[in-house]
C-alpha atoms as a PDB file:
ATOM      1  CA  UNK A   1       4.067 -37.063   8.142  1.00  0.00           C
ATOM      2  CA  UNK A   2       0.416 -39.500   7.664  1.00  0.00           C
ATOM      3  CA  UNK A   3       0.343 -40.977   4.430  1.00  0.00           C
ATOM      4  CA  UNK A   4      -2.770 -38.626   3.254  1.00  0.00           C
ATOM      5  CA  UNK A   5      -0.079 -35.452   3.684  1.00  0.00           C
ATOM      6  CA  UNK A   6       2.239 -37.694   1.544  1.00  0.00           C
ATOM      7  CA  UNK A   7       0.248 -38.425  -1.109  1.00  0.00           C
ATOM      8  CA  UNK A   8      -0.802 -35.058  -1.323  1.00  0.00           C
ATOM      9  CA  UNK A   9       2.700 -33.973  -1.682  1.00  0.00           C
ATOM     10  CA  UNK A  10       3.863 -36.353  -3.827  1.00  0.00           C
ATOM     11  CA  UNK A  11       0.818 -35.216  -6.419  1.00  0.00           C
ATOM     12  CA  UNK A  12       1.587 -31.623  -6.082  1.00  0.00           C
ATOM     13  CA  UNK A  13       4.881 -32.414  -6.949  1.00  0.00           C
ATOM     14  CA  UNK A  14       4.724 -34.335 -10.069  1.00  0.00           C
ATOM     15  CA  UNK A  15       1.517 -32.080 -10.908  1.00  0.00           C
ATOM     16  CA  UNK A  16       4.096 -29.425 -11.566  1.00  0.00           C
ATOM     17  CA  UNK A  17       7.137 -31.556 -12.530  1.00  0.00           C
ATOM     18  CA  UNK A  18       5.401 -33.502 -15.476  1.00  0.00           C
ATOM     19  CA  UNK A  19       2.073 -31.926 -15.796  1.00  0.00           C
ATOM     20  CA  UNK A  20      -1.636 -33.438 -15.671  1.00  0.00           C
ATOM     21  CA  UNK A  21      -1.943 -35.253 -18.409  1.00  0.00           C
ATOM     22  CA  UNK A  22       1.266 -37.630 -18.003  1.00  0.00           C
ATOM     23  CA  UNK A  23       0.707 -37.835 -13.977  1.00  0.00           C
ATOM     24  CA  UNK A  24      -1.084 -41.591 -13.308  1.00  0.00           C
ATOM     25  CA  UNK A  25      -1.571 -42.470  -9.436  1.00  0.00           C
ATOM     26  CA  UNK A  26       1.039 -45.541 -10.185  1.00  0.00           C
ATOM     27  CA  UNK A  27       3.496 -43.029 -10.076  1.00  0.00           C
ATOM     28  CA  UNK A  28       1.829 -40.589  -7.278  1.00  0.00           C
ATOM     29  CA  UNK A  29       2.136 -44.258  -5.105  1.00  0.00           C
ATOM     30  CA  UNK A  30       5.495 -44.756  -5.959  1.00  0.00           C
ATOM     31  CA  UNK A  31       6.365 -41.098  -4.877  1.00  0.00           C
ATOM     32  CA  UNK A  32       4.771 -41.038  -1.579  1.00  0.00           C
ATOM     33  CA  UNK A  33       5.771 -44.172  -0.716  1.00  0.00           C
ATOM     34  CA  UNK A  34       2.190 -46.176  -0.542  1.00  0.00           C
ATOM     35  CA  UNK A  35       0.411 -48.519  -2.564  1.00  0.00           C
ATOM     36  CA  UNK A  36      -2.079 -47.734  -5.468  1.00  0.00           C
ATOM     37  CA  UNK A  37      -5.079 -48.830  -3.537  1.00  0.00           C
ATOM     38  CA  UNK A  38      -4.166 -46.526  -0.563  1.00  0.00           C
ATOM     39  CA  UNK A  39      -4.582 -43.462  -3.026  1.00  0.00           C
ATOM     40  CA  UNK A  40      -7.739 -44.635  -3.991  1.00  0.00           C
ATOM     41  CA  UNK A  41      -8.817 -44.862  -0.165  1.00  0.00           C
ATOM     42  CA  UNK A  42      -8.430 -42.026   0.239  1.00  0.00           C
ATOM     43  CA  UNK A  43      -9.387 -40.319  -3.225  1.00  0.00           C
ATOM     44  CA  UNK A  44     -12.211 -41.957  -5.657  1.00  0.00           C
ATOM     45  CA  UNK A  45     -10.495 -40.383  -8.805  1.00  0.00           C
ATOM     46  CA  UNK A  46      -7.305 -38.881 -10.211  1.00  0.00           C
ATOM     47  CA  UNK A  47      -9.163 -35.253 -10.347  1.00  0.00           C
ATOM     48  CA  UNK A  48     -10.259 -35.531  -6.721  1.00  0.00           C
ATOM     49  CA  UNK A  49      -6.587 -36.120  -5.834  1.00  0.00           C
ATOM     50  CA  UNK A  50      -5.326 -32.908  -7.493  1.00  0.00           C
ATOM     51  CA  UNK A  51      -8.581 -30.906  -6.523  1.00  0.00           C
ATOM     52  CA  UNK A  52      -7.206 -31.390  -3.336  1.00  0.00           C
ATOM     53  CA  UNK A  53      -3.928 -30.316  -4.048  1.00  0.00           C
ATOM     54  CA  UNK A  54      -4.894 -27.135  -5.452  1.00  0.00           C
ATOM     55  CA  UNK A  55      -7.111 -26.706  -2.550  1.00  0.00           C
ATOM     56  CA  UNK A  56      -4.458 -27.204   0.141  1.00  0.00           C
ATOM     57  CA  UNK A  57      -2.264 -24.527  -1.693  1.00  0.00           C
ATOM     58  CA  UNK A  58      -5.065 -22.158  -2.145  1.00  0.00           C
ATOM     59  CA  UNK A  59      -5.975 -22.414   1.647  1.00  0.00           C
ATOM     60  CA  UNK A  60      -1.980 -22.339   2.415  1.00  0.00           C
ATOM     61  CA  UNK A  61      -2.085 -18.927   1.216  1.00  0.00           C
ATOM     62  CA  UNK A  62      -5.658 -18.076   2.971  1.00  0.00           C
ATOM     63  CA  UNK A  63      -4.413 -19.038   6.401  1.00  0.00           C
ATOM     64  CA  UNK A  64      -0.930 -16.749   5.960  1.00  0.00           C
ATOM     65  CA  UNK A  65      -3.401 -13.946   4.882  1.00  0.00           C
ATOM     66  CA  UNK A  66      -5.439 -14.033   7.722  1.00  0.00           C
ATOM     67  CA  UNK A  67      -1.976 -14.427   9.719  1.00  0.00           C
ATOM     68  CA  UNK A  68      -0.311 -11.762   8.520  1.00  0.00           C
ATOM     69  CA  UNK A  69      -3.362  -9.414   9.222  1.00  0.00           C
ATOM     70  CA  UNK A  70      -3.349 -10.629  12.896  1.00  0.00           C
ATOM     71  CA  UNK A  71       0.063  -9.896  12.911  1.00  0.00           C
ATOM     72  CA  UNK A  72      -0.313  -6.277  11.492  1.00  0.00           C
ATOM     73  CA  UNK A  73      -3.572  -4.632  11.018  1.00  0.00           C
ATOM     74  CA  UNK A  74      -2.322  -2.827   7.831  1.00  0.00           C
ATOM     75  CA  UNK A  75      -2.119  -5.960   6.085  1.00  0.00           C
ATOM     76  CA  UNK A  76      -5.919  -5.168   5.380  1.00  0.00           C
ATOM     77  CA  UNK A  77      -4.436  -2.360   2.797  1.00  0.00           C
ATOM     78  CA  UNK A  78      -5.221  -3.787  -0.935  1.00  0.00           C
ATOM     79  CA  UNK A  79      -1.424  -2.965  -1.480  1.00  0.00           C
ATOM     80  CA  UNK A  80      -0.042  -5.606   1.329  1.00  0.00           C
ATOM     81  CA  UNK A  81      -2.725  -7.768   1.079  1.00  0.00           C
ATOM     82  CA  UNK A  82      -2.034  -8.694  -2.608  1.00  0.00           C
ATOM     83  CA  UNK A  83       1.705  -7.920  -2.450  1.00  0.00           C
ATOM     84  CA  UNK A  84       1.226 -10.973   0.057  1.00  0.00           C
ATOM     85  CA  UNK A  85      -0.582 -12.979  -2.205  1.00  0.00           C
ATOM     86  CA  UNK A  86       1.736 -12.198  -4.994  1.00  0.00           C
ATOM     87  CA  UNK A  87       4.680 -13.825  -2.285  1.00  0.00           C
ATOM     88  CA  UNK A  88       2.426 -16.486  -1.290  1.00  0.00           C
ATOM     89  CA  UNK A  89       2.171 -17.473  -5.176  1.00  0.00           C
ATOM     90  CA  UNK A  90       5.606 -17.105  -6.183  1.00  0.00           C
ATOM     91  CA  UNK A  91       6.540 -19.186  -3.539  1.00  0.00           C
ATOM     92  CA  UNK A  92       4.274 -22.041  -4.583  1.00  0.00           C
ATOM     93  CA  UNK A  93       4.534 -23.605  -7.452  1.00  0.00           C
ATOM     94  CA  UNK A  94       1.204 -25.389  -7.585  1.00  0.00           C
ATOM     95  CA  UNK A  95      -0.489 -21.638  -6.796  1.00  0.00           C
ATOM     96  CA  UNK A  96       2.086 -20.256  -9.850  1.00  0.00           C
ATOM     97  CA  UNK A  97       0.647 -22.788 -12.176  1.00  0.00           C
ATOM     98  CA  UNK A  98      -3.028 -22.184 -10.994  1.00  0.00           C
ATOM     99  CA  UNK A  99      -2.983 -18.233 -11.177  1.00  0.00           C
ATOM    100  CA  UNK A 100      -1.432 -18.119 -14.975  1.00  0.00           C
ATOM    101  CA  UNK A 101      -3.357 -20.880 -15.740  1.00  0.00           C
ATOM    102  CA  UNK A 102      -0.374 -22.829 -17.258  1.00  0.00           C
ATOM    103  CA  UNK A 103      -1.521 -25.005 -20.212  1.00  0.00           C
ATOM    104  CA  UNK A 104       1.262 -27.439 -19.821  1.00  0.00           C
ATOM    105  CA  UNK A 105       1.038 -27.989 -16.165  1.00  0.00           C
ATOM    106  CA  UNK A 106      -2.821 -27.929 -15.795  1.00  0.00           C
ATOM    107  CA  UNK A 107      -4.112 -28.962 -19.294  1.00  0.00           C
ATOM    108  CA  UNK A 108      -8.082 -29.827 -19.248  1.00  0.00           C
ATOM    109  CA  UNK A 109      -7.583 -30.105 -15.419  1.00  0.00           C
ATOM    110  CA  UNK A 110      -7.756 -26.288 -15.628  1.00  0.00           C
ATOM    111  CA  UNK A 111     -11.160 -26.095 -16.954  1.00  0.00           C
ATOM    112  CA  UNK A 112     -12.400 -29.197 -14.231  1.00  0.00           C
ATOM    113  CA  UNK A 113     -10.880 -27.021 -11.243  1.00  0.00           C
ATOM    114  CA  UNK A 114     -13.066 -23.936 -12.201  1.00  0.00           C
ATOM    115  CA  UNK A 115     -16.179 -26.037 -12.503  1.00  0.00           C
ATOM    116  CA  UNK A 116     -16.112 -27.775  -9.549  1.00  0.00           C
ATOM    117  CA  UNK A 117     -14.843 -24.854  -7.690  1.00  0.00           C
ATOM    118  CA  UNK A 118     -17.060 -22.356  -8.970  1.00  0.00           C
ATOM    119  CA  UNK A 119     -18.806 -22.059  -5.979  1.00  0.00           C
ATOM    120  CA  UNK A 120     -15.818 -21.564  -3.466  1.00  0.00           C
ATOM    121  CA  UNK A 121     -14.179 -18.724  -5.957  1.00  0.00           C
ATOM    122  CA  UNK A 122     -17.619 -17.028  -6.335  1.00  0.00           C
ATOM    123  CA  UNK A 123     -16.787 -16.586  -2.197  1.00  0.00           C
ATOM    124  CA  UNK A 124     -13.553 -15.593  -2.526  1.00  0.00           C
ATOM    125  CA  UNK A 125     -14.940 -12.550  -4.849  1.00  0.00           C
ATOM    126  CA  UNK A 126     -17.361 -12.110  -2.331  1.00  0.00           C
ATOM    127  CA  UNK A 127     -14.604 -11.670   0.473  1.00  0.00           C
ATOM    128  CA  UNK A 128     -12.669  -9.258  -2.083  1.00  0.00           C
ATOM    129  CA  UNK A 129     -15.802  -7.109  -2.323  1.00  0.00           C
ATOM    130  CA  UNK A 130     -16.674  -7.031   0.820  1.00  0.00           C
ATOM    131  CA  UNK A 131     -13.402  -5.876   2.014  1.00  0.00           C
ATOM    132  CA  UNK A 132     -13.293  -3.438  -0.140  1.00  0.00           C
ATOM    133  CA  UNK A 133     -16.354  -1.511   1.261  1.00  0.00           C
ATOM    134  CA  UNK A 134     -15.158  -2.253   4.599  1.00  0.00           C
ATOM    135  CA  UNK A 135     -12.233  -0.108   3.775  1.00  0.00           C
ATOM    136  CA  UNK A 136     -13.899   2.161   1.926  1.00  0.00           C
ATOM    137  CA  UNK A 137     -16.362   3.155   4.998  1.00  0.00           C
ATOM    138  CA  UNK A 138     -13.155   3.360   7.266  1.00  0.00           C
ATOM    139  CA  UNK A 139     -11.536   5.882   4.452  1.00  0.00           C
ATOM    140  CA  UNK A 140      -8.554   3.260   3.494  1.00  0.00           C
ATOM    141  CA  UNK A 141      -9.654   3.001  -0.117  1.00  0.00           C
ATOM    142  CA  UNK A 142     -10.810   5.851  -2.524  1.00  0.00           C
ATOM    143  CA  UNK A 143     -14.401   7.154  -3.640  1.00  0.00           C
ATOM    144  CA  UNK A 144     -13.857   7.957  -7.080  1.00  0.00           C
ATOM    145  CA  UNK A 145     -14.570   4.253  -8.378  1.00  0.00           C
ATOM    146  CA  UNK A 146     -17.607   2.170  -7.359  1.00  0.00           C
ATOM    147  CA  UNK A 147     -17.070  -1.070  -5.588  1.00  0.00           C
ATOM    148  CA  UNK A 148     -17.284  -3.514  -8.184  1.00  0.00           C
ATOM    149  CA  UNK A 149     -14.713  -1.141 -10.575  1.00  0.00           C
ATOM    150  CA  UNK A 150     -12.099  -1.180  -7.825  1.00  0.00           C
ATOM    151  CA  UNK A 151     -12.500  -4.856  -7.489  1.00  0.00           C
ATOM    152  CA  UNK A 152     -11.942  -5.506 -10.974  1.00  0.00           C
ATOM    153  CA  UNK A 153      -9.012  -2.891 -10.920  1.00  0.00           C
ATOM    154  CA  UNK A 154      -7.396  -4.835  -7.767  1.00  0.00           C
ATOM    155  CA  UNK A 155      -7.867  -8.276 -10.010  1.00  0.00           C
ATOM    156  CA  UNK A 156      -6.707  -7.174 -12.919  1.00  0.00           C
ATOM    157  CA  UNK A 157      -3.672  -5.623 -11.764  1.00  0.00           C
ATOM    158  CA  UNK A 158      -2.657  -8.679  -9.749  1.00  0.00           C
ATOM    159  CA  UNK A 159      -3.509 -11.103 -12.612  1.00  0.00           C
ATOM    160  CA  UNK A 160      -1.226  -9.195 -14.927  1.00  0.00           C
ATOM    161  CA  UNK A 161       1.702  -9.254 -12.197  1.00  0.00           C
ATOM    162  CA  UNK A 162       1.013 -13.099 -12.096  1.00  0.00           C
ATOM    163  CA  UNK A 163       1.040 -13.775 -15.754  1.00  0.00           C
ATOM    164  CA  UNK A 164       3.632 -11.782 -15.713  1.00  0.00           C
ATOM    165  CA  UNK A 165       6.311 -13.774 -14.518  1.00  0.00           C
ATOM    166  CA  UNK A 166       5.760 -16.199 -17.535  1.00  0.00           C
ATOM    167  CA  UNK A 167       5.009 -13.493 -20.433  1.00  0.00           C
ATOM    168  CA  UNK A 168       7.909 -10.526 -19.393  1.00  0.00           C
ATOM    169  CA  UNK A 169      10.526 -12.971 -16.819  1.00  0.00           C
ATOM    170  CA  UNK A 170      13.438 -11.831 -18.968  1.00  0.00           C
ATOM    171  CA  UNK A 171      12.359  -8.380 -18.494  1.00  0.00           C
ATOM    172  CA  UNK A 172      11.358  -8.193 -14.846  1.00  0.00           C
ATOM    173  CA  UNK A 173      13.438  -7.282 -11.698  1.00  0.00           C
ATOM    174  CA  UNK A 174      15.416  -9.826 -10.676  1.00  0.00           C
ATOM    175  CA  UNK A 175      14.589  -9.776  -7.433  1.00  0.00           C
ATOM    176  CA  UNK A 176      11.029 -11.168  -6.013  1.00  0.00           C
ATOM    177  CA  UNK A 177      10.842  -8.861  -3.058  1.00  0.00           C
ATOM    178  CA  UNK A 178      11.080  -5.784  -5.625  1.00  0.00           C
ATOM    179  CA  UNK A 179       8.293  -7.416  -8.042  1.00  0.00           C
ATOM    180  CA  UNK A 180       6.151  -7.273  -4.843  1.00  0.00           C
ATOM    181  CA  UNK A 181       7.150  -3.498  -3.760  1.00  0.00           C
ATOM    182  CA  UNK A 182       6.069  -2.425  -7.390  1.00  0.00           C
ATOM    183  CA  UNK A 183       3.023  -3.961  -7.192  1.00  0.00           C
ATOM    184  CA  UNK A 184       2.521  -2.652  -3.684  1.00  0.00           C
ATOM    185  CA  UNK A 185       2.823   0.820  -5.160  1.00  0.00           C
ATOM    186  CA  UNK A 186       0.405   0.469  -8.233  1.00  0.00           C
ATOM    187  CA  UNK A 187      -2.266  -0.646  -6.185  1.00  0.00           C
ATOM    188  CA  UNK A 188      -1.397   1.774  -3.445  1.00  0.00           C
ATOM    189  CA  UNK A 189      -1.317   4.638  -5.861  1.00  0.00           C
ATOM    190  CA  UNK A 190      -5.042   3.129  -7.671  1.00  0.00           C
ATOM    191  CA  UNK A 191      -6.855   2.726  -4.683  1.00  0.00           C
ATOM    192  CA  UNK A 192      -5.717   3.655  -1.721  1.00  0.00           C
ATOM    193  CA  UNK A 193      -6.044   7.333   0.174  1.00  0.00           C
ATOM    194  CA  UNK A 194      -3.121   7.160   2.238  1.00  0.00           C
ATOM    195  CA  UNK A 195      -0.291   7.802  -0.160  1.00  0.00           C
ATOM    196  CA  UNK A 196       0.849  11.368   0.194  1.00  0.00           C
ATOM    197  CA  UNK A 197       0.359  13.087  -3.522  1.00  0.00           C
ATOM    198  CA  UNK A 198       3.474  15.369  -3.252  1.00  0.00           C
ATOM    199  CA  UNK A 199       6.046  12.602  -2.750  1.00  0.00           C
ATOM    200  CA  UNK A 200       4.319   9.489  -3.921  1.00  0.00           C
ATOM    201  CA  UNK A 201       5.006   7.726  -0.514  1.00  0.00           C
ATOM    202  CA  UNK A 202       2.994   5.889   2.068  1.00  0.00           C
ATOM    203  CA  UNK A 203       3.323   7.234   5.891  1.00  0.00           C
ATOM    204  CA  UNK A 204       1.399   4.139   6.552  1.00  0.00           C
ATOM    205  CA  UNK A 205       3.600   1.556   5.515  1.00  0.00           C
ATOM    206  CA  UNK A 206       6.878   3.635   5.444  1.00  0.00           C
ATOM    207  CA  UNK A 207       8.731   1.725   7.742  1.00  0.00           C
ATOM    208  CA  UNK A 208      10.529   5.242   8.626  1.00  0.00           C
ATOM    209  CA  UNK A 209       7.552   6.663   9.490  1.00  0.00           C
ATOM    210  CA  UNK A 210       7.090   7.306  13.257  1.00  0.00           C
ATOM    211  CA  UNK A 211       3.220   6.930  13.890  1.00  0.00           C
ATOM    212  CA  UNK A 212       3.665   9.011  17.053  1.00  0.00           C
ATOM    213  CA  UNK A 213       4.747  11.741  15.229  1.00  0.00           C
ATOM    214  CA  UNK A 214       2.797  11.452  12.048  1.00  0.00           C
ATOM    215  CA  UNK A 215      -1.296  11.836  11.807  1.00  0.00           C
ATOM    216  CA  UNK A 216      -1.518  10.684   8.585  1.00  0.00           C
ATOM    217  CA  UNK A 217      -0.074   7.712   9.691  1.00  0.00           C
ATOM    218  CA  UNK A 218      -1.531   7.344  12.830  1.00  0.00           C
ATOM    219  CA  UNK A 219      -5.272   8.265  11.028  1.00  0.00           C
ATOM    220  CA  UNK A 220      -4.424   5.081   8.938  1.00  0.00           C
ATOM    221  CA  UNK A 221      -3.309   2.519  11.287  1.00  0.00           C
ATOM    222  CA  UNK A 222      -6.195   3.165  13.605  1.00  0.00           C
ATOM    223  CA  UNK A 223      -8.743   2.675  10.847  1.00  0.00           C
ATOM    224  CA  UNK A 224      -6.804  -0.345   9.867  1.00  0.00           C
ATOM    225  CA  UNK A 225      -7.584  -1.771  13.355  1.00  0.00           C
ATOM    226  CA  UNK A 226     -10.965  -0.803  13.102  1.00  0.00           C
ATOM    227  CA  UNK A 227     -11.060  -2.967   9.344  1.00  0.00           C
ATOM    228  CA  UNK A 228      -9.462  -5.468  10.575  1.00  0.00           C
ATOM    229  CA  UNK A 229     -11.857  -6.650  13.020  1.00  0.00           C
ATOM    230  CA  UNK A 230     -14.823  -7.170  10.237  1.00  0.00           C
ATOM    231  CA  UNK A 231     -12.388  -8.391   7.616  1.00  0.00           C
ATOM    232  CA  UNK A 232     -10.712 -11.149   9.539  1.00  0.00           C
ATOM    233  CA  UNK A 233     -14.427 -13.222  10.254  1.00  0.00           C
ATOM    234  CA  UNK A 234     -14.480 -13.142   6.118  1.00  0.00           C
ATOM    235  CA  UNK A 235     -10.989 -15.116   5.239  1.00  0.00           C
ATOM    236  CA  UNK A 236     -11.840 -17.009   8.416  1.00  0.00           C
ATOM    237  CA  UNK A 237     -14.972 -18.416   6.708  1.00  0.00           C
ATOM    238  CA  UNK A 238     -13.214 -18.854   3.590  1.00  0.00           C
ATOM    239  CA  UNK A 239     -10.489 -21.124   5.132  1.00  0.00           C
ATOM    240  CA  UNK A 240     -13.604 -23.538   6.250  1.00  0.00           C
ATOM    241  CA  UNK A 241     -15.485 -23.542   3.034  1.00  0.00           C
ATOM    242  CA  UNK A 242     -11.924 -24.317   1.900  1.00  0.00           C
ATOM    243  CA  UNK A 243     -11.239 -26.937   4.206  1.00  0.00           C
ATOM    244  CA  UNK A 244     -15.189 -28.516   3.811  1.00  0.00           C
ATOM    245  CA  UNK A 245     -14.349 -28.780  -0.045  1.00  0.00           C
ATOM    246  CA  UNK A 246     -11.465 -30.689   0.668  1.00  0.00           C
ATOM    247  CA  UNK A 247     -13.386 -32.641   2.835  1.00  0.00           C
ATOM    248  CA  UNK A 248     -15.563 -33.305   0.040  1.00  0.00           C
ATOM    249  CA  UNK A 249     -12.836 -34.330  -2.321  1.00  0.00           C
ATOM    250  CA  UNK A 250     -12.395 -37.833   0.111  1.00  0.00           C
ATOM    251  CA  UNK A 251     -13.708 -41.217   0.009  1.00  0.00           C
ATOM    252  CA  UNK A 252     -15.904 -41.799   2.534  1.00  0.00           C
END
C-alpha cells in the first residue's frame, strides 16, 4: 500500500475511533508508520486530509453503485439503488458517521465538509433528480407526484433509515439484509410502477419470477436496460468530480 493510502486509512480509522477533535496529525503519522512531515507532504491541513477521507468513502459507494448497475440494469430502480447505498453505508464506518451526522465523531468537521463539498453535493442531487426523470420517461417510476416531490420522498426515506441505525438500533431487525429489504419495499411502494398492487410483490425483482413467462417482469427489465444507458454516465461523471475534488485537497 502506498504511503498516501496508508495515511488515508489511518486517518479514517482514527476519525471513527476517536472523533475529529481528538485526532492529531502526529497520531495519524504514527498509525500510518510515516513521519509527520510526510503527512504534510500530501495534505496541507488536517481538514484537507479528512475531506479526502470522506471523499474516498463516498467515491467507493459511487463506484459500487455504478458496478451494480453494469451487472444488473434493475439496479437503476430507486428501491434497488438506495438499498445498495444503504448496504454501503452499513459496511463503511466513515459513511455511517457522515450520513447520520454523528457529532461525536465529526464535531465541527461536519460543517466544514458541508461547506467544502457543497458543489459536489449539489451535483449529486442533480444526478438523483435526473435519474428519476429518466425512470419516469421509461415508465419505471410513477407520475402521481412531480419529480421534485419524488426526490424529496426518496432522500427523506433513506435518511430516516440511516438515522434509525442510531436512534432505534435496539428495535430494528437484527440482520442488515432484512433492514435493506424493508427500505427497498418501502421505496418500491412509494415510487415504482412494477409492484403488483394485488399482492405487494415485485415481479421485476422477485428472484422466483421468470421474465420469460411474466410479461410485467419482462417489460420492467427491458425498460431498465434502456434507462441504465442514460443513468450510468451520470454516475461516471459523479465519480470523476469526486476524484477531482480529492486531487484538489492534495498539496501541489
